[in-house]
Amino acid sequence: RNAIEAMAESDRRDLTVRSALIDDDMVEVRVTDTGSGIAPEIAGHLFQPFFTTKIHGMGVGLSICRTIVEAHEGRISVEPNPDGGTVFCFTLRAITKQDADSDA
């Protein structure tokens, strides 16, 4: 939703979501948009509770996301999209066949 909102005023609206297995036990998800981007001085605060750049935002969404991702041994980050816009990336531990079989 954040990516879609960020692209509302953009001439180019490309949203890409990719996932890949990394390090044999982690899955990385990358959400890339071609919106207006995030200023470097703001990027460092995005995951802090109650920090928002939106007029009607509460500033809790990304903080909650970070809490959930880190509780599952993952990481979340943000970086500029070289083609304009922003890339949000998070990792989570992959479920192996052995993990799935042990839950049965």
N, C-alpha and C. Protein backbone atom coordinates (compact mmCIF):
# COMPACT_ATOMS: atom_id res chain seq x y z
N ARG A 1 0.83 -1.19 0.00
CA ARG A 1 0.00 0.00 0.00
C ARG A 1 0.87 1.25 0.00
N ASN A 2 1.93 1.25 0.81
CA ASN A 2 2.82 2.42 0.83
C ASN A 2 3.41 2.68 -0.54
N ALA A 3 3.82 1.62 -1.23
CA ALA A 3 4.41 1.77 -2.56
C ALA A 3 3.40 2.35 -3.54
N ILE A 4 2.18 1.86 -3.49
CA ILE A 4 1.14 2.37 -4.39
C ILE A 4 0.86 3.84 -4.12
N GLU A 5 0.78 4.20 -2.86
CA GLU A 5 0.57 5.61 -2.50
C GLU A 5 1.75 6.47 -2.94
N ALA A 6 2.96 5.96 -2.83
CA ALA A 6 4.16 6.72 -3.21
C ALA A 6 4.20 6.99 -4.70
N MET A 7 3.54 6.15 -5.49
CA MET A 7 3.56 6.30 -6.94
C MET A 7 2.35 7.07 -7.48
N ALA A 8 1.47 7.53 -6.62
CA ALA A 8 0.23 8.16 -7.06
C ALA A 8 0.46 9.34 -8.01
N GLU A 9 1.48 10.11 -7.78
CA GLU A 9 1.75 11.29 -8.60
C GLU A 9 2.85 11.06 -9.63
N SER A 10 3.34 9.84 -9.75
CA SER A 10 4.44 9.52 -10.66
C SER A 10 3.93 9.26 -12.07
N ASP A 11 4.73 9.66 -13.05
CA ASP A 11 4.40 9.34 -14.44
C ASP A 11 4.59 7.85 -14.69
N ARG A 12 5.58 7.28 -14.07
CA ARG A 12 5.89 5.86 -14.23
C ARG A 12 5.51 5.14 -12.95
N ARG A 13 4.69 4.11 -13.06
CA ARG A 13 4.21 3.38 -11.88
C ARG A 13 4.51 1.91 -12.03
N ASP A 14 5.71 1.53 -11.63
CA ASP A 14 6.13 0.13 -11.67
C ASP A 14 6.30 -0.36 -10.24
N LEU A 15 5.62 -1.45 -9.92
CA LEU A 15 5.73 -2.08 -8.61
C LEU A 15 6.16 -3.52 -8.84
N THR A 16 7.27 -3.91 -8.23
CA THR A 16 7.80 -5.26 -8.39
C THR A 16 8.00 -5.88 -7.02
N VAL A 17 7.53 -7.11 -6.86
CA VAL A 17 7.76 -7.87 -5.63
C VAL A 17 8.49 -9.14 -6.03
N ARG A 18 9.67 -9.33 -5.46
CA ARG A 18 10.49 -10.51 -5.78
C ARG A 18 10.88 -11.21 -4.48
N SER A 19 11.00 -12.52 -4.59
CA SER A 19 11.51 -13.29 -3.45
C SER A 19 12.58 -14.24 -3.95
N ALA A 20 13.53 -14.52 -3.08
CA ALA A 20 14.63 -15.42 -3.44
C ALA A 20 15.17 -16.08 -2.18
N LEU A 21 15.61 -17.31 -2.33
CA LEU A 21 16.27 -18.02 -1.25
C LEU A 21 17.70 -17.53 -1.17
N ILE A 22 18.13 -17.12 0.02
CA ILE A 22 19.51 -16.68 0.21
C ILE A 22 20.09 -17.43 1.41
N ASP A 23 21.36 -17.62 1.39
CA ASP A 23 22.08 -18.27 2.51
C ASP A 23 21.47 -19.61 2.91
N ASP A 24 20.82 -20.31 2.02
CA ASP A 24 20.24 -21.64 2.23
C ASP A 24 19.15 -21.71 3.30
N ASP A 25 19.03 -20.70 4.16
CA ASP A 25 18.01 -20.80 5.20
C ASP A 25 17.20 -19.52 5.38
N MET A 26 17.38 -18.57 4.47
CA MET A 26 16.64 -17.31 4.56
C MET A 26 15.98 -17.01 3.22
N VAL A 27 14.80 -16.40 3.30
CA VAL A 27 14.11 -15.91 2.11
C VAL A 27 14.16 -14.39 2.16
N GLU A 28 14.52 -13.79 1.04
CA GLU A 28 14.55 -12.34 0.94
C GLU A 28 13.39 -11.90 0.05
N VAL A 29 12.62 -10.91 0.51
CA VAL A 29 11.54 -10.33 -0.27
C VAL A 29 11.91 -8.87 -0.52
N ARG A 30 11.85 -8.47 -1.80
CA ARG A 30 12.17 -7.10 -2.20
C ARG A 30 10.95 -6.48 -2.86
N VAL A 31 10.50 -5.34 -2.34
CA VAL A 31 9.38 -4.60 -2.91
C VAL A 31 9.96 -3.31 -3.47
N THR A 32 9.89 -3.17 -4.79
CA THR A 32 10.49 -2.04 -5.49
C THR A 32 9.41 -1.20 -6.14
N ASP A 33 9.47 0.12 -5.93
CA ASP A 33 8.53 1.01 -6.60
C ASP A 33 9.28 2.11 -7.34
N THR A 34 8.56 2.82 -8.17
CA THR A 34 9.13 3.94 -8.93
C THR A 34 8.48 5.25 -8.50
N GLY A 35 8.20 5.36 -7.22
CA GLY A 35 7.59 6.57 -6.68
C GLY A 35 8.60 7.68 -6.52
N SER A 36 8.29 8.60 -5.64
CA SER A 36 9.12 9.79 -5.44
C SER A 36 10.40 9.52 -4.66
N GLY A 37 10.51 8.36 -4.04
CA GLY A 37 11.71 8.04 -3.26
C GLY A 37 11.63 8.59 -1.86
N ILE A 38 12.63 8.26 -1.07
CA ILE A 38 12.69 8.68 0.32
C ILE A 38 14.00 9.42 0.54
N ALA A 39 13.92 10.60 1.07
CA ALA A 39 15.12 11.40 1.33
C ALA A 39 16.00 10.68 2.35
N PRO A 40 17.34 10.73 2.16
CA PRO A 40 18.25 10.01 3.07
C PRO A 40 18.06 10.40 4.54
N GLU A 41 17.77 11.66 4.82
CA GLU A 41 17.60 12.08 6.21
C GLU A 41 16.32 11.52 6.83
N ILE A 42 15.37 11.12 6.01
CA ILE A 42 14.14 10.51 6.50
C ILE A 42 14.29 9.00 6.62
N ALA A 43 15.03 8.38 5.71
CA ALA A 43 15.16 6.92 5.65
C ALA A 43 15.63 6.34 6.99
N GLY A 44 16.49 7.04 7.69
CA GLY A 44 17.01 6.54 8.96
C GLY A 44 15.98 6.50 10.08
N HIS A 45 14.83 7.14 9.88
CA HIS A 45 13.79 7.21 10.92
C HIS A 45 12.54 6.40 10.59
N LEU A 46 12.46 5.85 9.39
CA LEU A 46 11.24 5.21 8.91
C LEU A 46 10.70 4.12 9.82
N PHE A 47 11.56 3.37 10.47
CA PHE A 47 11.12 2.23 11.27
C PHE A 47 10.92 2.59 12.74
N GLN A 48 11.05 3.86 13.09
CA GLN A 48 10.83 4.30 14.47
C GLN A 48 9.33 4.47 14.72
N PRO A 49 8.86 4.09 15.89
CA PRO A 49 7.43 4.26 16.20
C PRO A 49 7.02 5.73 16.13
N PHE A 50 5.87 5.97 15.55
CA PHE A 50 5.22 7.28 15.47
C PHE A 50 5.92 8.27 14.54
N PHE A 51 6.84 7.78 13.72
CA PHE A 51 7.45 8.64 12.70
C PHE A 51 6.66 8.46 11.42
N THR A 52 6.20 9.54 10.84
CA THR A 52 5.45 9.44 9.59
C THR A 52 5.74 10.64 8.70
N THR A 53 5.59 10.43 7.42
CA THR A 53 5.68 11.50 6.44
C THR A 53 4.31 11.78 5.83
N LYS A 54 3.30 11.05 6.27
CA LYS A 54 1.95 11.18 5.73
C LYS A 54 1.12 12.14 6.58
N ILE A 55 0.27 12.89 5.92
CA ILE A 55 -0.59 13.85 6.63
C ILE A 55 -1.48 13.14 7.64
N HIS A 56 -2.06 12.03 7.24
CA HIS A 56 -2.98 11.30 8.13
C HIS A 56 -2.36 10.01 8.66
N GLY A 57 -1.05 9.87 8.57
CA GLY A 57 -0.39 8.65 9.03
C GLY A 57 -0.21 8.64 10.53
N MET A 58 -0.18 7.44 11.09
CA MET A 58 0.04 7.28 12.52
C MET A 58 1.49 6.96 12.83
N GLY A 59 2.24 6.47 11.83
CA GLY A 59 3.64 6.17 12.05
C GLY A 59 3.90 4.88 12.80
N VAL A 60 2.99 3.93 12.69
CA VAL A 60 3.20 2.66 13.38
C VAL A 60 3.38 1.48 12.44
N GLY A 61 2.97 1.60 11.19
CA GLY A 61 2.99 0.47 10.25
C GLY A 61 4.36 -0.14 10.06
N LEU A 62 5.35 0.66 9.70
CA LEU A 62 6.69 0.12 9.46
C LEU A 62 7.36 -0.32 10.75
N SER A 63 7.04 0.34 11.85
CA SER A 63 7.57 -0.09 13.15
C SER A 63 7.03 -1.47 13.52
N ILE A 64 5.75 -1.70 13.27
CA ILE A 64 5.15 -3.01 13.53
C ILE A 64 5.77 -4.05 12.61
N CYS A 65 5.94 -3.70 11.34
CA CYS A 65 6.59 -4.63 10.40
C CYS A 65 7.96 -5.03 10.90
N ARG A 66 8.75 -4.06 11.33
CA ARG A 66 10.10 -4.36 11.83
C ARG A 66 10.04 -5.29 13.03
N THR A 67 9.13 -5.04 13.95
CA THR A 67 9.00 -5.89 15.14
C THR A 67 8.67 -7.33 14.75
N ILE A 68 7.75 -7.50 13.82
CA ILE A 68 7.35 -8.85 13.39
C ILE A 68 8.50 -9.55 12.68
N VAL A 69 9.14 -8.85 11.75
CA VAL A 69 10.25 -9.45 10.98
C VAL A 69 11.39 -9.85 11.92
N GLU A 70 11.77 -8.96 12.83
CA GLU A 70 12.87 -9.27 13.75
C GLU A 70 12.50 -10.37 14.75
N ALA A 71 11.24 -10.47 15.12
CA ALA A 71 10.80 -11.54 16.02
C ALA A 71 10.92 -12.91 15.34
N HIS A 72 10.97 -12.91 14.01
CA HIS A 72 11.13 -14.14 13.25
C HIS A 72 12.55 -14.28 12.68
N GLU A 73 13.50 -13.65 13.36
CA GLU A 73 14.93 -13.74 13.05
C GLU A 73 15.30 -13.12 11.70
N GLY A 74 14.49 -12.18 11.23
CA GLY A 74 14.78 -11.52 9.96
C GLY A 74 15.22 -10.08 10.15
N ARG A 75 15.42 -9.43 9.04
CA ARG A 75 15.82 -8.02 9.01
C ARG A 75 14.98 -7.31 7.96
N ILE A 76 14.76 -6.00 8.16
CA ILE A 76 14.05 -5.18 7.20
C ILE A 76 14.87 -3.92 6.96
N SER A 77 14.91 -3.48 5.71
CA SER A 77 15.70 -2.30 5.38
C SER A 77 15.06 -1.56 4.21
N VAL A 78 15.57 -0.38 3.96
CA VAL A 78 15.10 0.45 2.85
C VAL A 78 16.31 1.02 2.14
N GLU A 79 16.20 1.15 0.83
CA GLU A 79 17.29 1.73 0.03
C GLU A 79 16.68 2.40 -1.19
N PRO A 80 17.41 3.32 -1.79
CA PRO A 80 16.90 3.96 -3.00
C PRO A 80 16.87 2.98 -4.17
N ASN A 81 15.87 3.10 -5.01
CA ASN A 81 15.81 2.35 -6.25
C ASN A 81 16.67 3.09 -7.27
N PRO A 82 17.68 2.46 -7.85
CA PRO A 82 18.53 3.15 -8.83
C PRO A 82 17.74 3.75 -10.01
N ASP A 83 16.57 3.18 -10.29
CA ASP A 83 15.73 3.69 -11.38
C ASP A 83 14.73 4.74 -10.91
N GLY A 84 14.87 5.20 -9.68
CA GLY A 84 13.93 6.15 -9.08
C GLY A 84 12.93 5.41 -8.22
N GLY A 85 12.66 5.93 -7.06
CA GLY A 85 11.74 5.29 -6.14
C GLY A 85 12.48 4.64 -4.98
N THR A 86 11.90 3.58 -4.45
CA THR A 86 12.40 2.98 -3.22
C THR A 86 12.34 1.46 -3.30
N VAL A 87 13.26 0.82 -2.57
CA VAL A 87 13.25 -0.64 -2.42
C VAL A 87 13.18 -0.95 -0.94
N PHE A 88 12.13 -1.67 -0.54
CA PHE A 88 12.06 -2.22 0.81
C PHE A 88 12.42 -3.68 0.72
N CYS A 89 13.23 -4.14 1.64
CA CYS A 89 13.71 -5.51 1.61
C CYS A 89 13.57 -6.09 3.01
N PHE A 90 13.05 -7.32 3.08
CA PHE A 90 13.05 -8.00 4.37
C PHE A 90 13.41 -9.47 4.17
N THR A 91 13.96 -10.04 5.22
CA THR A 91 14.33 -11.45 5.20
C THR A 91 13.57 -12.17 6.31
N LEU A 92 13.29 -13.43 6.05
CA LEU A 92 12.68 -14.31 7.04
C LEU A 92 13.31 -15.68 6.89
N ARG A 93 13.33 -16.42 7.99
CA ARG A 93 13.88 -17.77 7.94
C ARG A 93 13.01 -18.64 7.04
N ALA A 94 13.64 -19.39 6.17
CA ALA A 94 12.92 -20.27 5.25
C ALA A 94 12.44 -21.51 5.99
N ILE A 95 11.33 -22.02 5.57
CA ILE A 95 10.81 -23.29 6.08
C ILE A 95 11.35 -24.40 5.18
N THR A 96 12.01 -25.33 5.78
CA THR A 96 12.54 -26.46 5.01
C THR A 96 11.50 -27.58 4.99
N LYS A 97 11.72 -28.55 4.11
CA LYS A 97 10.83 -29.72 4.06
C LYS A 97 10.83 -30.42 5.41
N GLN A 98 11.99 -30.49 6.03
CA GLN A 98 12.09 -31.13 7.35
C GLN A 98 11.25 -30.38 8.38
N ASP A 99 11.29 -29.03 8.33
CA ASP A 99 10.45 -28.23 9.25
C ASP A 99 8.98 -28.52 9.01
N ALA A 100 8.58 -28.57 7.75
CA ALA A 100 7.18 -28.81 7.41
C ALA A 100 6.74 -30.21 7.84
N ASP A 101 7.61 -31.20 7.64
CA ASP A 101 7.27 -32.57 8.01
C ASP A 101 7.15 -32.74 9.52
N SER A 102 7.94 -31.98 10.28
CA SER A 102 7.90 -32.13 11.73
C SER A 102 6.64 -31.53 12.33
N ASP A 103 5.93 -30.67 11.58
CA ASP A 103 4.68 -30.09 12.06
C ASP A 103 3.50 -31.01 11.82
N ALA A 104 3.69 -32.05 11.04
CA ALA A 104 2.56 -32.93 10.69
C ALA A 104 2.19 -33.86 11.81
